[in-house]
N, C-alpha and C. Protein backbone atom coordinates (compact mmCIF):
# COMPACT_ATOMS: atom_id res chain seq x y z
N UNK A 1 0.84 -1.19 0.00
CA UNK A 1 0.00 0.00 0.00
C UNK A 1 0.88 1.24 0.00
N UNK A 2 0.53 2.16 -0.89
CA UNK A 2 1.32 3.38 -1.03
C UNK A 2 1.05 4.32 0.14
N UNK A 3 2.10 4.96 0.62
CA UNK A 3 1.96 5.91 1.72
C UNK A 3 1.52 7.26 1.14
N UNK A 4 0.33 7.71 1.53
CA UNK A 4 -0.18 9.02 1.08
C UNK A 4 -0.43 9.88 2.30
N UNK A 5 -0.53 11.17 2.02
CA UNK A 5 -0.81 12.09 3.12
C UNK A 5 -1.77 13.17 2.65
N UNK A 6 -2.12 14.06 3.56
CA UNK A 6 -3.09 15.11 3.22
C UNK A 6 -2.54 16.08 2.19
N UNK A 7 -1.23 16.24 2.10
CA UNK A 7 -0.66 17.11 1.07
C UNK A 7 -0.93 16.54 -0.32
N UNK A 8 -0.84 15.21 -0.46
CA UNK A 8 -1.15 14.57 -1.74
C UNK A 8 -2.62 14.84 -2.11
N UNK A 9 -3.49 14.67 -1.12
CA UNK A 9 -4.90 14.91 -1.36
C UNK A 9 -5.13 16.36 -1.80
N UNK A 10 -4.58 17.30 -1.07
CA UNK A 10 -4.77 18.73 -1.39
C UNK A 10 -4.22 19.06 -2.77
N UNK A 11 -3.09 18.48 -3.12
CA UNK A 11 -2.51 18.72 -4.45
C UNK A 11 -3.45 18.21 -5.54
N UNK A 12 -3.95 17.00 -5.37
CA UNK A 12 -4.87 16.44 -6.36
C UNK A 12 -6.19 17.22 -6.43
N UNK A 13 -6.67 17.65 -5.29
CA UNK A 13 -7.91 18.43 -5.28
C UNK A 13 -7.70 19.78 -5.98
N UNK A 14 -6.57 20.41 -5.75
CA UNK A 14 -6.27 21.68 -6.42
C UNK A 14 -6.13 21.49 -7.93
N UNK A 15 -5.51 20.38 -8.34
CA UNK A 15 -5.40 20.08 -9.77
C UNK A 15 -6.78 19.86 -10.38
N UNK A 16 -7.62 19.12 -9.68
CA UNK A 16 -8.98 18.87 -10.15
C UNK A 16 -9.72 20.19 -10.33
N UNK A 17 -9.65 21.06 -9.33
CA UNK A 17 -10.35 22.35 -9.40
C UNK A 17 -9.79 23.25 -10.50
N UNK A 18 -8.49 23.16 -10.76
CA UNK A 18 -7.88 23.97 -11.82
C UNK A 18 -8.31 23.49 -13.21
N UNK A 19 -8.50 22.18 -13.35
CA UNK A 19 -8.89 21.61 -14.64
C UNK A 19 -10.40 21.66 -14.87
N UNK A 20 -11.15 21.88 -13.84
CA UNK A 20 -12.60 21.83 -13.88
C UNK A 20 -13.23 22.68 -14.99
N UNK A 21 -12.89 23.97 -15.12
CA UNK A 21 -13.58 24.80 -16.12
C UNK A 21 -13.43 24.30 -17.55
N UNK A 22 -12.36 23.62 -17.86
CA UNK A 22 -12.17 23.11 -19.21
C UNK A 22 -12.96 21.85 -19.50
N UNK A 23 -13.40 21.16 -18.45
CA UNK A 23 -14.05 19.87 -18.63
C UNK A 23 -15.51 19.81 -18.17
N UNK A 24 -15.83 20.65 -17.20
CA UNK A 24 -17.15 20.54 -16.57
C UNK A 24 -17.79 21.90 -16.36
N UNK A 25 -19.11 21.87 -16.17
CA UNK A 25 -19.85 23.03 -15.71
C UNK A 25 -20.33 22.74 -14.30
N UNK A 26 -20.49 23.81 -13.53
CA UNK A 26 -21.07 23.68 -12.20
C UNK A 26 -22.47 24.28 -12.25
N UNK A 27 -23.44 23.51 -11.81
CA UNK A 27 -24.81 23.99 -11.72
C UNK A 27 -25.22 23.98 -10.25
N UNK A 28 -25.88 25.04 -9.84
CA UNK A 28 -26.49 25.05 -8.52
C UNK A 28 -27.94 24.65 -8.72
N UNK A 29 -28.26 23.45 -8.26
CA UNK A 29 -29.62 22.94 -8.39
C UNK A 29 -30.41 23.45 -7.19
N UNK A 30 -31.45 24.24 -7.47
CA UNK A 30 -32.22 24.90 -6.43
C UNK A 30 -33.64 24.38 -6.44
N UNK A 31 -34.05 23.75 -5.34
CA UNK A 31 -35.43 23.30 -5.22
C UNK A 31 -36.31 24.53 -4.97
N UNK A 32 -37.58 24.43 -5.31
CA UNK A 32 -38.48 25.56 -5.13
C UNK A 32 -38.69 25.92 -3.66
N UNK A 33 -38.31 25.04 -2.75
CA UNK A 33 -38.40 25.36 -1.32
C UNK A 33 -37.20 26.20 -0.86
N UNK A 34 -36.18 26.35 -1.74
CA UNK A 34 -35.03 27.17 -1.41
C UNK A 34 -33.74 26.40 -1.20
N UNK A 35 -33.81 25.11 -0.90
CA UNK A 35 -32.59 24.32 -0.72
C UNK A 35 -31.84 24.22 -2.03
N UNK A 36 -30.50 24.30 -1.96
CA UNK A 36 -29.71 24.17 -3.18
C UNK A 36 -28.39 23.48 -2.90
N UNK A 37 -27.82 22.90 -3.95
CA UNK A 37 -26.53 22.22 -3.88
C UNK A 37 -25.89 22.23 -5.26
N UNK A 38 -24.59 22.00 -5.31
CA UNK A 38 -23.88 21.97 -6.58
C UNK A 38 -23.94 20.60 -7.22
N UNK A 39 -24.04 20.59 -8.54
CA UNK A 39 -23.93 19.39 -9.36
C UNK A 39 -22.90 19.72 -10.44
N UNK A 40 -21.94 18.82 -10.63
CA UNK A 40 -20.92 18.99 -11.67
C UNK A 40 -21.31 18.13 -12.87
N UNK A 41 -21.22 18.69 -14.08
CA UNK A 41 -21.55 17.96 -15.29
C UNK A 41 -20.43 18.13 -16.31
N UNK A 42 -19.98 16.99 -16.87
CA UNK A 42 -19.03 17.07 -17.98
C UNK A 42 -19.72 17.72 -19.17
N UNK A 43 -18.96 18.48 -19.93
CA UNK A 43 -19.52 19.23 -21.04
C UNK A 43 -20.11 18.35 -22.13
N UNK A 44 -19.58 17.14 -22.29
CA UNK A 44 -20.10 16.26 -23.35
C UNK A 44 -21.23 15.35 -22.88
N UNK A 45 -21.64 15.47 -21.62
CA UNK A 45 -22.81 14.73 -21.16
C UNK A 45 -24.06 15.38 -21.75
N UNK A 46 -25.18 14.67 -21.65
CA UNK A 46 -26.42 15.16 -22.26
C UNK A 46 -27.39 15.69 -21.20
N UNK A 47 -28.46 16.29 -21.68
CA UNK A 47 -29.51 16.76 -20.77
C UNK A 47 -30.13 15.57 -20.04
N UNK A 48 -30.23 14.44 -20.72
CA UNK A 48 -30.72 13.22 -20.05
C UNK A 48 -29.80 12.86 -18.89
N UNK A 49 -28.49 12.99 -19.10
CA UNK A 49 -27.53 12.73 -18.02
C UNK A 49 -27.73 13.71 -16.86
N UNK A 50 -28.07 14.96 -17.17
CA UNK A 50 -28.34 15.96 -16.12
C UNK A 50 -29.53 15.51 -15.28
N UNK A 51 -30.60 15.11 -15.93
CA UNK A 51 -31.78 14.63 -15.19
C UNK A 51 -31.41 13.42 -14.33
N UNK A 52 -30.61 12.52 -14.88
CA UNK A 52 -30.20 11.33 -14.12
C UNK A 52 -29.36 11.71 -12.92
N UNK A 53 -28.40 12.61 -13.11
CA UNK A 53 -27.53 13.03 -12.01
C UNK A 53 -28.33 13.71 -10.91
N UNK A 54 -29.24 14.60 -11.28
CA UNK A 54 -30.07 15.29 -10.29
C UNK A 54 -30.95 14.27 -9.58
N UNK A 55 -31.51 13.34 -10.32
CA UNK A 55 -32.36 12.30 -9.72
C UNK A 55 -31.58 11.50 -8.69
N UNK A 56 -30.37 11.09 -9.03
CA UNK A 56 -29.55 10.32 -8.08
C UNK A 56 -29.17 11.17 -6.86
N UNK A 57 -28.76 12.40 -7.12
CA UNK A 57 -28.28 13.25 -6.02
C UNK A 57 -29.39 13.54 -5.00
N UNK A 58 -30.60 13.78 -5.50
CA UNK A 58 -31.71 14.13 -4.62
C UNK A 58 -32.57 12.92 -4.24
N UNK A 59 -32.14 11.73 -4.67
CA UNK A 59 -32.91 10.50 -4.39
C UNK A 59 -34.37 10.68 -4.80
N UNK A 60 -34.56 11.22 -5.99
CA UNK A 60 -35.89 11.51 -6.51
C UNK A 60 -36.05 10.80 -7.84
N UNK A 61 -36.86 9.75 -7.85
CA UNK A 61 -37.03 8.95 -9.06
C UNK A 61 -38.01 9.56 -10.04
N UNK A 62 -38.77 10.55 -9.60
CA UNK A 62 -39.81 11.13 -10.44
C UNK A 62 -39.70 12.65 -10.45
N UNK A 63 -38.67 13.17 -11.10
CA UNK A 63 -38.50 14.62 -11.20
C UNK A 63 -39.65 15.19 -12.02
N UNK A 64 -40.29 16.22 -11.50
CA UNK A 64 -41.39 16.87 -12.21
C UNK A 64 -40.87 17.80 -13.30
N UNK A 65 -39.66 18.34 -13.09
CA UNK A 65 -39.09 19.21 -14.12
C UNK A 65 -37.84 19.93 -13.64
N UNK A 66 -37.01 20.31 -14.60
CA UNK A 66 -35.87 21.20 -14.37
C UNK A 66 -36.12 22.46 -15.18
N UNK A 67 -35.72 23.61 -14.63
CA UNK A 67 -36.05 24.89 -15.23
C UNK A 67 -34.87 25.85 -15.13
N UNK A 68 -34.84 26.82 -16.04
CA UNK A 68 -33.91 27.94 -15.94
C UNK A 68 -34.72 29.23 -15.95
N UNK A 69 -34.10 30.30 -15.51
CA UNK A 69 -34.77 31.60 -15.53
C UNK A 69 -35.09 32.01 -16.96
N UNK A 70 -36.18 32.71 -17.11
CA UNK A 70 -36.55 33.29 -18.39
C UNK A 70 -36.09 34.74 -18.37
N UNK A 71 -35.28 35.14 -19.34
CA UNK A 71 -34.73 36.50 -19.37
C UNK A 71 -35.82 37.56 -19.32
N UNK A 72 -37.02 37.25 -19.78
CA UNK A 72 -38.11 38.23 -19.78
C UNK A 72 -38.52 38.65 -18.38
N UNK A 73 -38.26 37.79 -17.39
CA UNK A 73 -38.73 38.04 -16.04
C UNK A 73 -37.61 38.28 -15.04
N UNK A 74 -36.38 38.43 -15.51
CA UNK A 74 -35.26 38.60 -14.59
C UNK A 74 -35.32 39.91 -13.81
N UNK A 75 -35.93 40.92 -14.38
CA UNK A 75 -35.95 42.22 -13.71
C UNK A 75 -37.23 42.47 -12.92
N UNK A 76 -38.09 41.47 -12.84
CA UNK A 76 -39.30 41.59 -12.01
C UNK A 76 -38.90 41.26 -10.58
N UNK A 77 -39.24 42.15 -9.66
CA UNK A 77 -38.88 41.87 -8.27
C UNK A 77 -39.88 40.92 -7.63
N UNK A 78 -39.54 40.41 -6.45
CA UNK A 78 -40.38 39.42 -5.78
C UNK A 78 -41.76 39.97 -5.45
N UNK A 79 -41.88 41.27 -5.20
CA UNK A 79 -43.18 41.87 -4.90
C UNK A 79 -44.11 41.70 -6.09
N UNK A 80 -43.61 42.00 -7.29
CA UNK A 80 -44.43 41.85 -8.48
C UNK A 80 -44.77 40.38 -8.72
N UNK A 81 -43.83 39.48 -8.48
CA UNK A 81 -44.10 38.05 -8.65
C UNK A 81 -45.21 37.62 -7.70
N UNK A 82 -45.16 38.11 -6.46
CA UNK A 82 -46.19 37.74 -5.48
C UNK A 82 -47.54 38.33 -5.86
N UNK A 83 -47.55 39.58 -6.38
CA UNK A 83 -48.80 40.16 -6.84
C UNK A 83 -49.38 39.35 -7.98
N UNK A 84 -48.54 38.95 -8.90
CA UNK A 84 -48.99 38.11 -10.01
C UNK A 84 -49.55 36.80 -9.48
N UNK A 85 -48.90 36.22 -8.49
CA UNK A 85 -49.34 34.97 -7.89
C UNK A 85 -50.74 35.14 -7.28
N UNK A 86 -50.94 36.24 -6.53
CA UNK A 86 -52.19 36.44 -5.81
C UNK A 86 -53.34 36.81 -6.75
N UNK A 87 -53.03 37.35 -7.93
CA UNK A 87 -54.07 37.77 -8.85
C UNK A 87 -54.43 36.68 -9.85
N UNK A 88 -53.87 35.53 -9.74
CA UNK A 88 -54.11 34.47 -10.71
C UNK A 88 -54.72 33.28 -9.97
N UNK A 89 -55.90 32.85 -10.42
CA UNK A 89 -56.57 31.73 -9.76
C UNK A 89 -56.06 30.38 -10.23
N UNK A 90 -55.27 30.33 -11.28
CA UNK A 90 -54.77 29.05 -11.80
C UNK A 90 -53.50 28.68 -11.04
N UNK A 91 -53.64 27.90 -9.98
CA UNK A 91 -52.49 27.56 -9.14
C UNK A 91 -51.77 26.30 -9.60
N UNK A 92 -52.15 25.75 -10.74
CA UNK A 92 -51.49 24.54 -11.22
C UNK A 92 -50.03 24.80 -11.59
N UNK A 93 -49.68 26.04 -11.90
CA UNK A 93 -48.32 26.35 -12.33
C UNK A 93 -47.46 26.90 -11.20
N UNK A 94 -47.92 26.78 -9.98
CA UNK A 94 -47.18 27.32 -8.85
C UNK A 94 -46.66 26.21 -7.97
N UNK A 95 -45.57 26.47 -7.35
CA UNK A 95 -45.16 25.61 -6.25
C UNK A 95 -45.65 26.33 -5.01
N UNK A 96 -46.40 25.63 -4.17
CA UNK A 96 -47.04 26.31 -3.04
C UNK A 96 -46.03 26.81 -2.02
N UNK A 97 -44.78 26.35 -2.07
CA UNK A 97 -43.83 26.78 -1.05
C UNK A 97 -42.79 27.74 -1.62
N UNK A 98 -43.08 28.34 -2.76
CA UNK A 98 -42.15 29.33 -3.32
C UNK A 98 -42.94 30.34 -4.11
N UNK A 99 -42.60 31.62 -4.00
CA UNK A 99 -43.37 32.66 -4.66
C UNK A 99 -43.10 32.72 -6.16
N UNK A 100 -42.06 32.07 -6.62
CA UNK A 100 -41.72 32.13 -8.05
C UNK A 100 -42.61 31.15 -8.82
N UNK A 101 -43.34 31.68 -9.79
CA UNK A 101 -44.18 30.82 -10.62
C UNK A 101 -43.30 30.03 -11.57
N UNK A 102 -43.68 28.78 -11.78
CA UNK A 102 -42.97 27.98 -12.78
C UNK A 102 -43.14 28.58 -14.16
N UNK A 103 -44.25 29.29 -14.37
CA UNK A 103 -44.48 29.90 -15.68
C UNK A 103 -43.49 31.03 -15.96
N UNK A 104 -42.77 31.50 -14.94
CA UNK A 104 -41.73 32.50 -15.15
C UNK A 104 -40.40 31.86 -15.54
N UNK A 105 -40.37 30.55 -15.56
CA UNK A 105 -39.15 29.81 -15.89
C UNK A 105 -39.32 29.07 -17.21
N UNK A 106 -38.19 28.66 -17.76
CA UNK A 106 -38.18 27.89 -19.00
C UNK A 106 -37.89 26.44 -18.64
N UNK A 107 -38.79 25.52 -19.03
CA UNK A 107 -38.51 24.11 -18.76
C UNK A 107 -37.34 23.62 -19.61
N UNK A 108 -36.55 22.73 -19.04
CA UNK A 108 -35.45 22.10 -19.76
C UNK A 108 -35.97 20.76 -20.26
N UNK A 109 -36.16 20.62 -21.58
CA UNK A 109 -36.68 19.35 -22.07
C UNK A 109 -35.64 18.24 -21.98
N UNK A 110 -36.09 17.05 -21.64
CA UNK A 110 -35.20 15.90 -21.59
C UNK A 110 -34.74 15.60 -23.01
N UNK A 111 -33.42 15.46 -23.19
CA UNK A 111 -32.88 15.17 -24.52
C UNK A 111 -31.59 14.39 -24.40
N UNK A 112 -31.51 13.30 -25.14
CA UNK A 112 -30.25 12.55 -25.18
C UNK A 112 -29.40 13.02 -26.35
N UNK A 113 -29.88 14.01 -27.09
CA UNK A 113 -29.14 14.54 -28.24
C UNK A 113 -28.41 15.84 -27.92
N UNK A 114 -28.96 16.63 -27.00
CA UNK A 114 -28.36 17.92 -26.65
C UNK A 114 -27.33 17.73 -25.55
N UNK A 115 -26.10 18.18 -25.81
CA UNK A 115 -25.06 18.10 -24.78
C UNK A 115 -25.20 19.27 -23.82
N UNK A 116 -24.59 19.12 -22.68
CA UNK A 116 -24.57 20.20 -21.69
C UNK A 116 -23.88 21.43 -22.29
N UNK A 117 -22.81 21.21 -23.03
CA UNK A 117 -22.09 22.32 -23.67
C UNK A 117 -23.01 23.08 -24.64
N UNK A 118 -23.78 22.36 -25.44
CA UNK A 118 -24.71 23.01 -26.37
C UNK A 118 -25.80 23.76 -25.62
N UNK A 119 -26.32 23.15 -24.56
CA UNK A 119 -27.36 23.78 -23.74
C UNK A 119 -26.85 25.10 -23.15
N UNK A 120 -25.66 25.06 -22.57
CA UNK A 120 -25.09 26.27 -21.97
C UNK A 120 -24.82 27.31 -23.06
N UNK A 121 -24.23 26.89 -24.16
CA UNK A 121 -23.94 27.83 -25.25
C UNK A 121 -25.22 28.50 -25.75
N UNK A 122 -26.23 27.70 -26.00
CA UNK A 122 -27.49 28.23 -26.52
C UNK A 122 -28.11 29.27 -25.57
N UNK A 123 -27.91 29.10 -24.28
CA UNK A 123 -28.54 30.00 -23.30
C UNK A 123 -27.61 31.09 -22.76
N UNK A 124 -26.35 31.14 -23.23
CA UNK A 124 -25.43 32.17 -22.74
C UNK A 124 -24.75 32.98 -23.84
N UNK A 125 -24.57 32.42 -25.01
CA UNK A 125 -23.72 33.04 -26.02
C UNK A 125 -24.39 34.16 -26.80
N UNK A 126 -25.69 34.20 -26.80
CA UNK A 126 -26.39 35.23 -27.56
C UNK A 126 -27.62 35.67 -26.80
N UNK A 127 -28.12 36.83 -27.19
CA UNK A 127 -29.35 37.32 -26.56
C UNK A 127 -30.52 36.49 -27.06
N UNK A 128 -31.45 36.14 -26.24
CA UNK A 128 -31.52 36.43 -24.82
C UNK A 128 -30.68 35.45 -24.00
N UNK A 129 -30.08 35.96 -22.96
CA UNK A 129 -29.27 35.12 -22.07
C UNK A 129 -30.13 34.67 -20.89
N UNK A 130 -30.47 33.40 -20.91
CA UNK A 130 -31.29 32.85 -19.84
C UNK A 130 -30.45 32.22 -18.74
N UNK A 131 -29.18 31.98 -19.01
CA UNK A 131 -28.24 31.49 -18.00
C UNK A 131 -27.18 32.55 -17.78
N UNK A 132 -27.02 32.94 -16.54
CA UNK A 132 -25.96 33.88 -16.18
C UNK A 132 -25.31 33.38 -14.91
N UNK A 133 -24.01 33.63 -14.75
CA UNK A 133 -23.35 33.21 -13.51
C UNK A 133 -24.05 33.83 -12.30
N UNK A 134 -24.22 33.05 -11.25
CA UNK A 134 -24.96 33.55 -10.09
C UNK A 134 -24.04 34.09 -9.00
N UNK A 135 -22.74 33.86 -9.12
CA UNK A 135 -21.79 34.38 -8.15
C UNK A 135 -20.81 35.31 -8.87
N UNK A 136 -20.35 36.36 -8.18
CA UNK A 136 -19.44 37.32 -8.83
C UNK A 136 -18.02 36.74 -9.00
N UNK A 137 -17.31 37.31 -9.96
CA UNK A 137 -15.89 36.96 -10.12
C UNK A 137 -15.15 37.35 -8.86
N UNK A 138 -14.15 36.68 -8.46
CA UNK A 138 -13.38 35.66 -9.16
C UNK A 138 -13.84 34.23 -8.87
N UNK A 139 -15.03 34.04 -8.29
CA UNK A 139 -15.48 32.68 -8.04
C UNK A 139 -15.72 31.96 -9.36
N UNK A 140 -15.66 30.64 -9.35
CA UNK A 140 -15.95 29.89 -10.59
C UNK A 140 -17.36 30.18 -11.09
N UNK A 141 -17.56 29.99 -12.38
CA UNK A 141 -18.88 30.20 -12.99
C UNK A 141 -19.82 29.08 -12.55
N UNK A 142 -20.95 29.49 -12.01
CA UNK A 142 -21.99 28.56 -11.57
C UNK A 142 -23.31 29.06 -12.14
N UNK A 143 -24.06 28.16 -12.77
CA UNK A 143 -25.37 28.49 -13.31
C UNK A 143 -26.46 27.84 -12.47
N UNK A 144 -27.60 28.55 -12.32
CA UNK A 144 -28.69 28.02 -11.51
C UNK A 144 -29.69 27.26 -12.38
N UNK A 145 -30.09 26.10 -11.88
CA UNK A 145 -31.18 25.32 -12.46
C UNK A 145 -32.15 25.02 -11.32
N UNK A 146 -33.44 25.25 -11.59
CA UNK A 146 -34.46 24.98 -10.59
C UNK A 146 -34.97 23.56 -10.74
N UNK A 147 -35.23 22.92 -9.62
CA UNK A 147 -35.75 21.56 -9.58
C UNK A 147 -37.15 21.54 -8.98
N UNK A 148 -38.08 20.96 -9.71
CA UNK A 148 -39.39 20.66 -9.15
C UNK A 148 -39.41 19.16 -8.90
N UNK A 149 -39.30 18.80 -7.63
CA UNK A 149 -39.32 17.38 -7.28
C UNK A 149 -40.69 16.94 -6.79
N UNK A 150 -41.66 17.86 -6.86
CA UNK A 150 -43.03 17.53 -6.47
C UNK A 150 -43.30 17.62 -4.99
N UNK A 151 -42.28 17.92 -4.18
CA UNK A 151 -42.49 18.02 -2.74
C UNK A 151 -42.83 19.45 -2.35
N UNK A 152 -43.76 19.58 -1.46
CA UNK A 152 -44.12 20.88 -0.91
C UNK A 152 -43.88 20.82 0.58
N UNK A 153 -43.09 21.74 1.10
CA UNK A 153 -42.71 21.72 2.50
C UNK A 153 -43.56 22.60 3.38
N UNK A 154 -44.58 23.24 2.80
CA UNK A 154 -45.42 24.15 3.56
C UNK A 154 -46.79 23.53 3.82
N UNK A 155 -47.37 22.91 2.81
CA UNK A 155 -48.74 22.38 2.92
C UNK A 155 -48.78 21.15 3.79
């Protein structure tokens, strides 16, 4: 057995983090209840792989949907979103434990043909930009994806 130490671990972890942007994207998967965590995806994986990874990570076999922000609604503040929520009787498009309507988001269709790289490029490289980094530089680029797992923590 090879003798290793914490310096070896730290060196390898630093190398991994340095190589990360060239190979993977970081997504912050945010449930509508507010809980969020990071998911790493290789650029050549598919949207189907994203659904599978999120399903495994959250132990959720029946994901209701993954979503990204719609650029049309990025500048609407939470007060306006709540007013829109209260003035609309059709609650089928709402998560009862979050003020953000799903109709303000863009669903990510399941696809085994679209790579993560193509998905990110399509939503960042040209207007409208529906994916934007959620943390300021110099932190690594992280994009937010919303998860509807069908659970409501309020009702």
